[in-house]
């Protein structure tokens, strides 16, 4: 089934179904197969016939309210702004206002670089990874996280399945649906810990401060998640902390790494009930991860220990990690340049921005990715659609 696009020149939108999921994309892209689903969308492998290269086309979930709109705008803005070899690149966008899967907006597709696998899949055969491979993977990831943090952006969901990999061991961070920008101001660590939702980061990779302080957290949560991923690589694909609940997770972390002294606990646990629970746990002296992970390179273990410091104020930063001796032999300082652009994320905390304004901002971002959307006409169409739906409900 073919549709003529209303928002792009000399291209047609074609609808095809893959495993019962419809994709309405430009006819320059030939769909091959579904690759899987992420936090907020489904991904299709396709061939770009104009460049004869394979691409991954991410179909974002339908936009239903201002929360969805904020998340969609956030992901598109981050991907468009972040230019780094270890952060997945966005090549183009597609806006389908024909198939109308949502009453509030067209369907948005992001065309991205294709990777053969993710790290979760790579770790199913962990014995194939030498220490040289591990160094290279972790150096790339640390560079990517340092770059994000230099732009005041938290990823908030670092885990093996959000790390894309190619056959040559080059990797890229992906899935920025949970990412947030954090405001800067002068403080001891020059960064402000803001109140964010605690429902971030897949449980196994959640930093202890998320579980005991809920909404008070900052850049160190990404380092903890990176450390848990690092541990999984060193430990032949085995998840380090596999608790079923927050309580189990905290117990496992403290039993494995040791219970911090009260002075450290006071620095990051602000919840009274959480503090009482932690204080009730048995005292365990601080200990290295080498007690449970047998890995031949002591420098790898040392870096991992520094990433998994329970007190976030004492945890190593991404920039400090780049200076660690583990990366000395492969380090290229010219590849560690910080983000130098400007990104506007004021919409995150501006309650005066309406749902309509947020949708207009998304359409503007899509046009910056070479779409040809007449924003006034599209918003008028959505308004008429809303009125039509309302009239149909009144008839019932």
Protein backbone atom coordinates (compact mmCIF):
# COMPACT_ATOMS: atom_id res chain seq x y z
CA UNK A 1 0.00 0.00 0.00
CA UNK A 2 1.48 3.33 -1.04
CA UNK A 3 0.76 6.87 0.14
CA UNK A 4 2.02 10.14 -1.33
CA UNK A 5 3.86 12.07 1.33
CA UNK A 6 2.44 15.45 2.30
CA UNK A 7 5.66 16.70 3.84
CA UNK A 8 8.58 15.82 1.60
CA UNK A 9 9.49 16.45 -2.01
CA UNK A 10 9.80 13.73 -4.67
CA UNK A 11 9.44 10.86 -2.21
CA UNK A 12 6.62 8.47 -1.45
CA UNK A 13 5.59 7.00 1.86
CA UNK A 14 5.07 3.26 1.61
CA UNK A 15 3.43 1.13 4.31
CA UNK A 16 4.62 -2.40 4.93
CA UNK A 17 4.08 -4.66 7.94
CA UNK A 18 6.82 -6.52 9.78
CA UNK A 19 5.72 -9.02 12.46
CA UNK A 20 2.34 -7.26 12.58
CA UNK A 21 3.96 -3.84 13.10
CA UNK A 22 3.31 -1.33 10.28
CA UNK A 23 6.16 0.88 9.08
CA UNK A 24 5.28 3.83 6.83
CA UNK A 25 8.60 5.04 5.46
CA UNK A 26 9.99 6.58 2.28
CA UNK A 27 10.37 4.25 -0.67
CA UNK A 28 14.14 4.88 -0.76
CA UNK A 29 14.27 2.53 2.25
CA UNK A 30 13.70 -1.18 1.68
CA UNK A 31 12.75 -2.89 4.92
CA UNK A 32 14.60 -6.14 5.68
CA UNK A 33 13.56 -7.32 9.16
CA UNK A 34 12.70 -6.15 12.65
CA UNK A 35 15.71 -5.80 14.92
CA UNK A 36 13.84 -5.43 18.19
CA UNK A 37 12.21 -2.94 20.52
CA UNK A 38 13.73 -0.34 22.86
CA UNK A 39 12.25 1.75 25.66
CA UNK A 40 10.18 3.91 23.40
CA UNK A 41 10.08 2.38 19.95
CA UNK A 42 10.57 -0.48 17.49
CA UNK A 43 13.60 -0.78 15.20
CA UNK A 44 13.64 -1.99 11.58
CA UNK A 45 16.71 -2.95 9.57
CA UNK A 46 16.47 -1.42 6.10
CA UNK A 47 18.55 -0.77 3.01
CA UNK A 48 18.94 2.86 1.95
CA UNK A 49 18.83 2.42 -1.83
CA UNK A 50 20.25 5.91 -2.44
CA UNK A 51 23.47 5.20 -0.55
CA UNK A 52 23.38 1.38 -0.76
CA UNK A 53 24.00 1.14 3.00
CA UNK A 54 22.05 -0.56 5.75
CA UNK A 55 20.33 1.66 8.29
CA UNK A 56 18.29 1.16 11.45
CA UNK A 57 14.91 2.90 11.38
CA UNK A 58 13.43 3.50 14.82
CA UNK A 59 9.67 3.93 14.95
CA UNK A 60 8.90 6.04 18.01
CA UNK A 61 5.87 5.07 20.03
CA UNK A 62 2.66 7.08 19.40
CA UNK A 63 2.55 10.49 20.99
CA UNK A 64 -0.47 10.74 23.29
CA UNK A 65 0.26 13.50 25.80
CA UNK A 66 2.73 16.19 26.84
CA UNK A 67 4.90 13.64 28.71
CA UNK A 68 5.34 11.66 25.47
CA UNK A 69 6.01 14.91 23.60
CA UNK A 70 8.68 16.00 26.06
CA UNK A 71 10.41 12.62 25.83
CA UNK A 72 10.29 12.63 22.02
CA UNK A 73 11.63 16.18 21.77
CA UNK A 74 14.39 15.33 24.25
CA UNK A 75 15.60 12.27 22.32
CA UNK A 76 15.54 14.01 18.93
CA UNK A 77 17.36 17.08 20.25
CA UNK A 78 20.05 15.06 21.93
CA UNK A 79 20.66 12.86 18.90
CA UNK A 80 20.76 15.86 16.57
CA UNK A 81 23.13 17.80 18.82
CA UNK A 82 25.53 15.07 19.91
CA UNK A 83 28.21 14.51 17.28
CA UNK A 84 30.50 11.82 18.59
CA UNK A 85 31.80 8.56 17.07
CA UNK A 86 30.59 6.59 20.09
CA UNK A 87 27.07 8.03 20.22
CA UNK A 88 24.63 6.68 17.66
CA UNK A 89 24.23 9.09 14.75
CA UNK A 90 20.86 10.21 13.42
CA UNK A 91 20.89 10.40 9.63
CA UNK A 92 17.37 11.58 8.88
CA UNK A 93 13.80 11.68 10.13
CA UNK A 94 10.48 10.62 8.63
CA UNK A 95 7.13 12.12 9.61
CA UNK A 96 4.12 10.04 8.59
CA UNK A 97 0.90 12.04 8.79
CA UNK A 98 -1.02 9.64 6.55
CA UNK A 99 -1.55 6.39 8.45
CA UNK A 100 -2.57 8.31 11.61
CA UNK A 101 -1.79 5.84 14.40
CA UNK A 102 -2.34 8.59 17.00
CA UNK A 103 -5.11 11.18 17.32
CA UNK A 104 -2.57 13.75 18.48
CA UNK A 105 0.38 13.53 16.10
CA UNK A 106 1.85 11.78 13.09
CA UNK A 107 4.22 8.85 13.48
CA UNK A 108 7.90 9.75 13.83
CA UNK A 109 10.73 7.58 12.51
CA UNK A 110 14.43 8.20 13.13
CA UNK A 111 16.90 6.85 10.57
CA UNK A 112 20.11 5.87 12.34
CA UNK A 113 23.42 4.18 11.72
CA UNK A 114 23.14 0.38 11.68
CA UNK A 115 25.14 -1.83 14.03
CA UNK A 116 25.28 -5.62 13.71
CA UNK A 117 24.64 -6.32 17.39
CA UNK A 118 24.45 -4.88 20.87
CA UNK A 119 26.77 -5.61 23.78
CA UNK A 120 24.14 -7.81 25.45
CA UNK A 121 24.31 -10.13 22.44
CA UNK A 122 28.12 -9.95 22.30
CA UNK A 123 28.31 -11.03 25.93
CA UNK A 124 26.53 -14.28 25.13
CA UNK A 125 29.96 -15.40 23.87
CA UNK A 126 32.20 -13.55 26.36
CA UNK A 127 35.19 -15.84 25.88
CA UNK A 128 35.69 -14.28 22.45
CA UNK A 129 36.72 -11.02 24.16
CA UNK A 130 40.39 -10.51 25.00
CA UNK A 131 41.60 -7.83 27.42
CA UNK A 132 42.51 -5.72 24.38
CA UNK A 133 38.88 -5.92 23.25
CA UNK A 134 37.66 -4.99 26.72
CA UNK A 135 40.02 -2.01 26.92
CA UNK A 136 38.86 -0.76 23.53
CA UNK A 137 35.17 -1.17 24.37
CA UNK A 138 35.44 0.53 27.75
CA UNK A 139 37.58 3.37 26.40
CA UNK A 140 34.96 4.13 23.75
CA UNK A 141 32.15 4.01 26.30
CA UNK A 142 34.01 6.23 28.73
CA UNK A 143 34.69 8.77 25.97
CA UNK A 144 30.99 8.80 25.07
CA UNK A 145 29.89 9.29 28.68
CA UNK A 146 32.49 12.03 29.24
CA UNK A 147 31.21 13.80 26.11
CA UNK A 148 27.59 13.58 27.29
CA UNK A 149 28.48 14.84 30.74
CA UNK A 150 30.43 17.75 29.26
CA UNK A 151 27.11 18.76 27.63
CA UNK A 152 25.44 18.43 31.05
CA UNK A 153 23.45 15.42 29.85
CA UNK A 154 22.76 12.28 31.86
CA UNK A 155 22.07 9.15 29.83
CA UNK A 156 20.24 7.46 32.74
CA UNK A 157 19.91 4.05 31.08
CA UNK A 158 23.39 2.69 30.33
CA UNK A 159 23.30 -1.10 30.00
CA UNK A 160 24.61 -3.69 27.51
CA UNK A 161 21.43 -3.68 25.38
CA UNK A 162 21.79 0.11 24.90
CA UNK A 163 25.35 -0.24 23.61
CA UNK A 164 25.51 -1.01 19.89
CA UNK A 165 28.46 -2.94 18.47
CA UNK A 166 30.05 -3.64 15.09
CA UNK A 167 32.24 -6.54 14.02
CA UNK A 168 35.38 -4.39 14.40
CA UNK A 169 34.50 -3.81 18.09
CA UNK A 170 33.52 -0.18 17.56
CA UNK A 171 30.57 0.72 19.76
CA UNK A 172 27.99 3.49 20.22
CA UNK A 173 25.61 4.45 23.00
CA UNK A 174 21.96 4.53 21.96
CA UNK A 175 18.41 4.88 23.33
CA UNK A 176 18.27 8.39 24.75
CA UNK A 177 14.58 8.33 25.65
CA UNK A 178 15.39 8.60 29.37
CA UNK A 179 18.22 11.13 29.06
CA UNK A 180 18.01 14.47 30.80
CA UNK A 181 20.03 17.66 30.96
CA UNK A 182 21.15 18.84 34.37
CA UNK A 183 21.56 22.51 35.19
CA UNK A 184 24.95 23.85 36.15
CA UNK A 185 25.72 26.13 39.02
CA UNK A 186 28.60 26.76 41.35
CA UNK A 187 28.81 24.08 44.00
CA UNK A 188 31.53 21.78 45.32
CA UNK A 189 31.24 19.52 42.28
CA UNK A 190 30.02 22.33 39.98
CA UNK A 191 26.89 20.36 39.20
CA UNK A 192 23.46 20.51 40.73
CA UNK A 193 21.69 17.34 41.80
CA UNK A 194 18.14 17.83 40.59
CA UNK A 195 14.91 16.07 41.39
CA UNK A 196 14.31 13.50 38.67
CA UNK A 197 12.07 10.46 38.52
CA UNK A 198 13.44 7.40 40.28
CA UNK A 199 12.15 5.12 37.51
CA UNK A 200 15.34 5.27 35.49
CA UNK A 201 17.98 2.71 34.61
CA UNK A 202 17.09 -0.96 34.36
CA UNK A 203 17.16 -2.31 37.93
CA UNK A 204 20.38 -4.31 37.65
CA UNK A 205 22.32 -1.19 36.65
CA UNK A 206 20.75 1.28 39.12
CA UNK A 207 23.08 3.22 41.34
CA UNK A 208 22.53 2.86 45.09
CA UNK A 209 21.71 6.56 45.47
CA UNK A 210 18.67 6.09 43.23
CA UNK A 211 17.38 3.32 45.44
CA UNK A 212 17.97 5.02 48.78
CA UNK A 213 17.39 8.68 47.90
CA UNK A 214 14.93 8.34 45.01
CA UNK A 215 15.01 11.63 43.13
CA UNK A 216 18.31 13.14 44.25
CA UNK A 217 21.03 12.09 41.84
CA UNK A 218 23.47 13.36 39.24
CA UNK A 219 26.24 12.29 36.84
CA UNK A 220 27.62 9.49 39.06
CA UNK A 221 24.59 7.30 38.25
CA UNK A 222 25.91 6.91 34.70
CA UNK A 223 29.33 5.91 36.05
CA UNK A 224 27.72 3.26 38.27
CA UNK A 225 25.76 1.85 35.30
CA UNK A 226 28.96 1.90 33.24
CA UNK A 227 30.71 0.05 36.07
CA UNK A 228 28.00 -2.62 36.22
CA UNK A 229 28.35 -3.05 32.46
CA UNK A 230 32.15 -3.25 32.84
CA UNK A 231 31.75 -5.91 35.54
CA UNK A 232 29.49 -7.93 33.25
CA UNK A 233 32.17 -7.86 30.55
CA UNK A 234 34.89 -8.96 32.98
CA UNK A 235 32.66 -11.58 34.56
CA UNK A 236 31.89 -13.53 31.36
CA UNK A 237 28.50 -11.95 30.80
CA UNK A 238 27.16 -12.52 34.31
CA UNK A 239 25.07 -9.67 35.77
CA UNK A 240 26.79 -8.31 38.87
CA UNK A 241 23.77 -7.31 40.97
CA UNK A 242 20.67 -9.27 40.00
CA UNK A 243 18.22 -8.38 42.74
CA UNK A 244 14.46 -8.67 42.22
CA UNK A 245 13.60 -5.64 44.38
CA UNK A 246 15.21 -2.42 45.62
CA UNK A 247 15.71 -4.03 49.03
CA UNK A 248 17.50 -7.04 47.51
CA UNK A 249 19.63 -4.78 45.32
CA UNK A 250 20.80 -2.61 48.21
CA UNK A 251 21.59 -5.68 50.34
CA UNK A 252 23.57 -7.29 47.51
CA UNK A 253 25.55 -4.10 46.84
CA UNK A 254 26.47 -3.60 50.51
CA UNK A 255 27.31 -7.29 51.03
CA UNK A 256 29.53 -7.29 47.95
CA UNK A 257 31.30 -3.95 48.24
CA UNK A 258 31.05 -3.30 51.97
CA UNK A 259 28.86 -0.99 54.02
CA UNK A 260 30.07 2.64 53.92
CA UNK A 261 30.84 4.47 57.16
CA UNK A 262 28.16 6.78 58.56
CA UNK A 263 29.94 9.90 57.28
CA UNK A 264 29.62 8.59 53.71
CA UNK A 265 25.99 7.55 54.18
CA UNK A 266 25.12 11.03 55.44
CA UNK A 267 26.44 12.53 52.22
CA UNK A 268 23.92 10.87 49.93
CA UNK A 269 21.05 9.30 51.89
CA UNK A 270 18.50 12.01 52.66
CA UNK A 271 15.47 9.79 53.16
CA UNK A 272 14.86 8.93 56.82
CA UNK A 273 13.33 5.51 56.16
CA UNK A 274 16.11 4.61 53.73
CA UNK A 275 18.74 5.62 56.29
CA UNK A 276 17.12 3.49 59.00
CA UNK A 277 17.04 0.51 56.64
CA UNK A 278 20.69 0.91 55.65
CA UNK A 279 21.78 1.34 59.26
CA UNK A 280 20.03 -1.93 60.10
CA UNK A 281 22.20 -3.85 57.64
CA UNK A 282 25.20 -5.75 59.04
CA UNK A 283 28.57 -4.04 58.93
CA UNK A 284 30.78 -5.28 56.11
CA UNK A 285 34.26 -3.75 55.61
CA UNK A 286 35.00 -2.20 52.20
CA UNK A 287 36.31 -4.79 49.77
CA UNK A 288 37.50 -4.97 46.18
CA UNK A 289 35.36 -6.48 43.44
CA UNK A 290 38.27 -8.87 42.80
CA UNK A 291 36.85 -11.08 45.56
CA UNK A 292 34.07 -12.14 43.22
CA UNK A 293 35.52 -11.35 39.78
CA UNK A 294 38.68 -13.19 38.86
CA UNK A 295 40.26 -11.11 36.08
CA UNK A 296 43.96 -11.18 35.19
CA UNK A 297 44.49 -7.46 34.58
CA UNK A 298 44.67 -5.65 37.96
CA UNK A 299 44.26 -2.26 36.26
CA UNK A 300 40.84 -3.29 35.00
CA UNK A 301 39.81 -4.32 38.52
CA UNK A 302 41.17 -1.05 39.95
CA UNK A 303 39.14 1.05 37.49
CA UNK A 304 36.03 -1.03 38.18
CA UNK A 305 36.47 -0.55 41.94
CA UNK A 306 36.57 3.21 41.41
CA UNK A 307 33.41 3.12 39.27
CA UNK A 308 31.55 1.10 41.90
CA UNK A 309 32.22 3.32 44.91
CA UNK A 310 28.91 3.43 46.79
CA UNK A 311 29.19 7.08 47.86
CA UNK A 312 28.46 8.98 44.59
CA UNK A 313 30.52 11.96 45.80
CA UNK A 314 33.63 9.74 45.88
CA UNK A 315 32.91 7.79 42.69
CA UNK A 316 35.29 8.39 39.80
CA UNK A 317 34.09 10.80 37.09
CA UNK A 318 34.14 10.01 33.38
CA UNK A 319 36.95 12.52 32.82
CA UNK A 320 39.00 11.01 35.65
CA UNK A 321 38.36 7.53 34.26
CA UNK A 322 39.89 8.55 30.93
CA UNK A 323 43.10 9.31 32.84
CA UNK A 324 43.18 5.87 34.45
CA UNK A 325 46.24 3.71 33.65
CA UNK A 326 43.98 0.99 32.21
CA UNK A 327 43.58 3.14 29.07
CA UNK A 328 47.19 4.36 28.90
CA UNK A 329 48.25 2.13 25.98
CA UNK A 330 45.29 2.96 23.72
CA UNK A 331 44.42 6.49 24.76
CA UNK A 332 44.05 9.19 22.08
CA UNK A 333 43.54 12.53 23.81
CA UNK A 334 42.55 14.17 20.53
CA UNK A 335 39.42 12.00 20.59
CA UNK A 336 38.38 13.26 24.01
CA UNK A 337 37.23 16.76 23.11
CA UNK A 338 34.24 17.95 25.17
CA UNK A 339 30.94 19.07 23.70
CA UNK A 340 31.25 22.67 22.48
CA UNK A 341 27.79 23.39 21.15
CA UNK A 342 24.67 24.70 22.83
CA UNK A 343 21.50 22.75 23.40
CA UNK A 344 18.24 24.16 24.69
CA UNK A 345 16.49 21.90 27.16
CA UNK A 346 14.61 24.61 29.04
CA UNK A 347 11.38 22.91 27.94
CA UNK A 348 12.11 20.14 30.45
CA UNK A 349 11.14 22.27 33.44
CA UNK A 350 8.93 24.89 31.80
CA UNK A 351 5.35 24.12 32.80
CA UNK A 352 4.06 27.03 30.71
CA UNK A 353 4.78 25.18 27.44
CA UNK A 354 1.54 23.69 26.15
CA UNK A 355 1.06 20.35 24.42
CA UNK A 356 0.48 22.21 21.15
CA UNK A 357 3.69 24.22 21.52
CA UNK A 358 5.62 21.04 22.30
CA UNK A 359 4.33 19.39 19.13
CA UNK A 360 5.36 22.44 17.09
CA UNK A 361 8.86 22.22 18.59
CA UNK A 362 9.09 18.56 17.54
CA UNK A 363 8.04 19.42 13.98
CA UNK A 364 10.70 22.14 13.89
CA UNK A 365 13.33 19.59 14.95
CA UNK A 366 12.19 17.19 12.22
CA UNK A 367 12.52 19.93 9.62
CA UNK A 368 16.09 20.47 10.77
CA UNK A 369 16.61 16.82 9.84
CA UNK A 370 15.60 17.53 6.23
CA UNK A 371 11.87 16.90 6.46
CA UNK A 372 9.63 19.35 4.58
CA UNK A 373 6.71 19.74 6.94
CA UNK A 374 4.37 22.73 6.61
CA UNK A 375 3.97 23.22 10.34
CA UNK A 376 0.98 25.56 10.16
CA UNK A 377 -0.93 23.20 7.88
CA UNK A 378 -0.04 20.16 9.98
CA UNK A 379 -1.17 21.77 13.23
CA UNK A 380 -4.42 22.80 11.54
CA UNK A 381 -4.91 19.21 10.33
CA UNK A 382 -4.36 17.88 13.85
CA UNK A 383 -6.82 20.43 15.22
CA UNK A 384 -9.48 19.32 12.72
CA UNK A 385 -8.79 15.67 13.53
CA UNK A 386 -9.28 16.38 17.23
CA UNK A 387 -12.59 18.13 16.53
CA UNK A 388 -13.71 15.23 14.34
CA UNK A 389 -12.90 12.68 17.05
CA UNK A 390 -14.72 14.77 19.63
CA UNK A 391 -17.81 14.97 17.42
CA UNK A 392 -17.75 11.20 16.87
CA UNK A 393 -17.66 10.61 20.65
CA UNK A 394 -20.64 12.94 21.21
CA UNK A 395 -22.65 10.99 18.62
CA UNK A 396 -22.08 7.79 20.58
